Amino acid sequence: MDYENTEIHEYIIDCQFLPCINWFKISIDQKYINFDIYERWKKMSFGNRCTLLGGGGLIQLSVPVEKGRDQKALFRDIKISYLENWQLKFWRTIVSCYNRAPFFEFYKDELQETLMKKHTFLMDLNMELISLCFKYLYDSKVIRVIDGNKMTKIDSLEHYLLPKNSQALPSPITYHQMFSDRHGFQPNLSILDLLFMEGPEAKFLLSK
């Protein structure tokens, strides 16, 4: 992926849960963040999961979804399951990983409030979290839900970034991470890692 040339294109990108850093690097030069209303649900994707770095190494958080969804289902129709208190578990994990990070206190209240809402649909949760991250990173971003089949001049990057390959992709930026003394630098973690560690500087790192 040639990040330096992304500004000359417009993309459809997948609607990730607390997206990875590469996702935001791709989006930084985009006027519009385009999600496809007909995006297919893909299991084992970042649609319902993100990667953090803890004391023991990489941690994957996965939002549970209602069963019975196959690969033909539309992402917009995927419902979140609340049979377990995953929100509390997620928040405790985030606190455990980042409570000593330099900018954790700066972002934690709004993040916790958004994460604890009981959204019915996964897409709604993801879009609200993405909007929150955009507020911290960019002056303005317009999120559009479009019909990708009717947009002939837009390239699709849906499912370009997957959990199985994200660690192998070249990292667009490097920065100090919690626990890097134990595990070295880990590329393409959730944007939370960058925000908690670098704060307002994150947007400048992404723009390089």
Protein backbone atom coordinates (compact mmCIF):
# COMPACT_ATOMS: atom_id res chain seq x y z
CA MET A 1 0.00 0.00 0.00
CA ASP A 2 1.41 3.36 -1.04
CA TYR A 3 0.16 5.64 1.71
CA GLU A 4 1.72 8.73 0.17
CA ASN A 5 -0.63 8.54 -2.83
CA THR A 6 -3.90 7.85 -1.02
CA GLU A 7 -5.01 11.47 -1.37
CA ILE A 8 -5.63 11.07 -5.11
CA HIS A 9 -8.20 8.33 -4.55
CA GLU A 10 -11.50 7.93 -2.78
CA TYR A 11 -12.03 4.67 -0.96
CA ILE A 12 -14.69 2.44 0.47
CA ILE A 13 -13.26 1.06 3.68
CA ASP A 14 -14.60 -1.49 6.13
CA CYS A 15 -16.36 -0.34 9.28
CA GLN A 16 -13.97 -1.61 11.94
CA PHE A 17 -14.33 -1.80 15.72
CA LEU A 18 -11.82 0.69 17.17
CA PRO A 19 -9.81 0.47 13.93
CA CYS A 20 -6.13 -0.28 13.63
CA ILE A 21 -3.55 2.43 12.97
CA ASN A 22 -3.19 1.52 9.28
CA TRP A 23 -6.93 2.15 8.86
CA PHE A 24 -6.52 5.71 10.14
CA LYS A 25 -3.39 6.23 8.08
CA ILE A 26 -5.39 5.38 4.96
CA SER A 27 -8.23 7.69 6.00
CA ILE A 28 -6.20 10.75 6.95
CA ASP A 29 -6.20 12.31 3.47
CA GLN A 30 -9.76 11.30 2.64
CA LYS A 31 -12.45 13.99 2.63
CA TYR A 32 -15.13 11.34 3.00
CA ILE A 33 -15.04 8.12 5.00
CA ASN A 34 -17.17 5.79 2.89
CA PHE A 35 -18.85 2.69 4.31
CA ASP A 36 -20.76 0.40 1.94
CA ILE A 37 -24.38 -0.16 2.94
CA TYR A 38 -24.10 -3.57 1.25
CA GLU A 39 -20.83 -4.61 2.89
CA ARG A 40 -20.91 -8.33 3.65
CA TRP A 41 -20.28 -9.61 7.15
CA LYS A 42 -16.93 -11.33 7.31
CA LYS A 43 -16.05 -13.53 10.24
CA MET A 44 -12.56 -13.22 11.73
CA SER A 45 -12.31 -9.60 10.57
CA PHE A 46 -11.77 -6.33 12.42
CA GLY A 47 -15.50 -5.70 12.12
CA ASN A 48 -16.00 -6.81 15.72
CA ARG A 49 -12.47 -6.99 17.11
CA CYS A 50 -9.40 -4.92 17.86
CA THR A 51 -5.86 -5.59 19.08
CA LEU A 52 -4.28 -4.03 22.17
CA LEU A 53 -0.91 -4.51 23.86
CA GLY A 54 -0.84 -5.70 27.46
CA GLY A 55 1.81 -6.86 29.88
CA GLY A 56 1.52 -10.41 28.58
CA GLY A 57 1.59 -9.46 24.91
CA LEU A 58 -1.07 -8.89 22.26
CA ILE A 59 -4.70 -8.96 23.38
CA GLN A 60 -7.66 -9.31 21.02
CA LEU A 61 -11.00 -7.93 22.13
CA SER A 62 -13.95 -9.39 20.24
CA VAL A 63 -17.49 -8.00 20.46
CA PRO A 64 -19.91 -10.97 20.64
CA VAL A 65 -22.60 -11.02 17.97
CA GLU A 66 -25.85 -12.91 17.80
CA LYS A 67 -25.49 -16.38 16.35
CA GLY A 68 -26.89 -17.52 13.05
CA ARG A 69 -24.99 -15.00 10.92
CA ASP A 70 -23.18 -16.39 7.90
CA GLN A 71 -20.94 -14.84 5.28
CA LYS A 72 -23.99 -13.78 3.21
CA ALA A 73 -25.31 -11.50 5.95
CA LEU A 74 -24.96 -7.76 5.54
CA PHE A 75 -22.75 -6.00 8.06
CA ARG A 76 -25.49 -3.46 8.79
CA ASP A 77 -27.75 -6.29 10.03
CA ILE A 78 -25.29 -7.79 12.52
CA LYS A 79 -26.65 -7.48 16.06
CA ILE A 80 -24.55 -7.35 19.21
CA SER A 81 -25.09 -10.09 21.81
CA TYR A 82 -25.44 -9.06 25.44
CA LEU A 83 -25.66 -12.55 26.95
CA GLU A 84 -22.40 -11.74 28.73
CA ASN A 85 -21.17 -8.46 30.17
CA TRP A 86 -18.49 -8.00 27.53
CA GLN A 87 -18.51 -4.20 27.92
CA LEU A 88 -17.31 -4.37 31.52
CA LYS A 89 -14.71 -6.99 30.56
CA PHE A 90 -13.47 -4.80 27.70
CA TRP A 91 -13.21 -1.73 29.87
CA ARG A 92 -11.31 -3.55 32.60
CA THR A 93 -8.89 -4.85 29.97
CA ILE A 94 -8.37 -1.36 28.52
CA VAL A 95 -7.73 0.05 32.01
CA SER A 96 -5.30 -2.76 32.79
CA CYS A 97 -3.35 -2.09 29.59
CA TYR A 98 -3.33 1.71 29.59
CA ASN A 99 -4.11 3.19 33.00
CA ARG A 100 -0.47 4.33 33.23
CA ALA A 101 -0.31 5.63 29.66
CA PRO A 102 0.40 9.39 29.42
CA PHE A 103 -2.96 10.37 27.87
CA PHE A 104 -5.31 7.71 29.25
CA GLU A 105 -7.00 10.15 31.64
CA PHE A 106 -7.54 12.60 28.79
CA TYR A 107 -9.66 10.21 26.69
CA LYS A 108 -11.06 7.63 29.09
CA ASP A 109 -14.38 9.23 30.10
CA GLU A 110 -15.83 9.70 26.62
CA LEU A 111 -14.51 6.34 25.48
CA GLN A 112 -16.06 4.53 28.43
CA GLU A 113 -19.38 6.32 27.97
CA THR A 114 -19.55 5.35 24.29
CA LEU A 115 -18.41 1.78 24.86
CA MET A 116 -20.98 1.20 27.60
CA LYS A 117 -23.97 2.19 25.48
CA LYS A 118 -26.17 -0.74 24.50
CA HIS A 119 -26.19 -0.41 20.74
CA THR A 120 -28.38 -2.93 18.96
CA PHE A 121 -26.30 -3.08 15.79
CA LEU A 122 -22.55 -3.52 15.56
CA MET A 123 -22.28 -0.99 12.74
CA ASP A 124 -23.81 1.73 14.92
CA LEU A 125 -21.33 1.03 17.72
CA ASN A 126 -18.39 1.06 15.33
CA MET A 127 -19.46 4.30 13.64
CA GLU A 128 -19.90 6.10 16.95
CA LEU A 129 -16.47 4.97 18.17
CA ILE A 130 -14.88 5.95 14.85
CA SER A 131 -16.54 9.38 15.02
CA LEU A 132 -15.14 9.82 18.53
CA CYS A 133 -11.63 8.95 17.36
CA PHE A 134 -11.96 11.34 14.42
CA LYS A 135 -12.86 14.11 16.86
CA TYR A 136 -9.53 13.57 18.60
CA LEU A 137 -7.47 13.21 15.42
CA TYR A 138 -8.88 15.47 12.71
CA ASP A 139 -10.66 18.80 12.50
CA SER A 140 -13.48 17.30 10.44
CA LYS A 141 -14.36 14.08 8.66
CA VAL A 142 -17.60 13.29 6.90
CA ILE A 143 -18.79 9.70 7.32
CA ARG A 144 -21.01 8.47 4.50
CA VAL A 145 -22.90 5.21 4.12
CA ILE A 146 -23.14 4.64 0.38
CA ASP A 147 -24.17 2.06 -2.19
CA GLY A 148 -20.78 0.82 -3.35
CA ASN A 149 -22.29 -0.81 -6.44
CA LYS A 150 -23.24 2.61 -7.80
CA MET A 151 -19.90 4.32 -7.12
CA THR A 152 -17.75 3.58 -10.16
CA LYS A 153 -14.89 5.95 -9.30
CA ILE A 154 -14.27 4.66 -5.79
CA ASP A 155 -11.77 1.92 -4.99
CA SER A 156 -12.61 -0.65 -2.34
CA LEU A 157 -10.28 -1.45 0.53
CA GLU A 158 -12.83 -3.56 2.37
CA HIS A 159 -11.14 -6.40 4.23
CA TYR A 160 -7.67 -5.28 3.12
CA LEU A 161 -6.81 -5.06 6.83
CA LEU A 162 -7.51 -8.33 8.62
CA PRO A 163 -6.38 -9.69 12.01
CA LYS A 164 -4.49 -12.50 10.28
CA ASN A 165 -2.30 -10.12 8.25
CA SER A 166 -2.24 -6.85 10.18
CA GLN A 167 0.90 -7.69 12.14
CA ALA A 168 2.73 -8.56 8.92
CA LEU A 169 1.88 -5.30 7.15
CA PRO A 170 4.52 -2.56 7.31
CA SER A 171 3.81 -0.06 10.06
CA PRO A 172 3.17 3.47 8.75
CA ILE A 173 4.50 5.00 11.98
CA THR A 174 6.51 4.09 15.07
CA TYR A 175 6.10 5.49 18.58
CA HIS A 176 6.76 4.49 22.18
CA GLN A 177 4.41 1.77 23.43
CA MET A 178 3.54 0.43 26.85
CA PHE A 179 5.41 -2.82 27.50
CA SER A 180 7.70 -2.33 24.50
CA ASP A 181 10.57 -3.24 26.81
CA ARG A 182 9.06 -6.74 27.04
CA HIS A 183 7.58 -7.26 23.60
CA GLY A 184 9.31 -4.79 21.28
CA PHE A 185 7.35 -2.55 18.95
CA GLN A 186 4.03 -4.04 17.83
CA PRO A 187 2.65 -2.62 14.54
CA ASN A 188 -0.95 -1.83 13.66
CA LEU A 189 -2.57 -1.99 17.05
CA SER A 190 -5.92 -0.33 17.68
CA ILE A 191 -5.90 3.45 17.38
CA LEU A 192 -6.46 3.49 21.15
CA ASP A 193 -2.83 2.51 21.66
CA LEU A 194 -1.58 5.51 19.69
CA LEU A 195 -4.04 7.94 21.30
CA PHE A 196 -3.26 6.86 24.86
CA MET A 197 0.49 7.02 24.26
CA GLU A 198 0.82 10.12 22.08
CA GLY A 199 -2.33 12.16 22.70
CA PRO A 200 -2.68 15.22 20.40
CA GLU A 201 0.63 14.32 18.75
CA ALA A 202 -1.07 11.25 17.20
CA LYS A 203 -2.58 13.25 14.34
CA PHE A 204 0.83 14.65 13.39
CA LEU A 205 2.39 11.18 13.41
CA LEU A 206 -0.38 9.91 11.12
CA SER A 207 0.09 12.82 8.72
CA LYS A 208 3.80 12.14 8.13
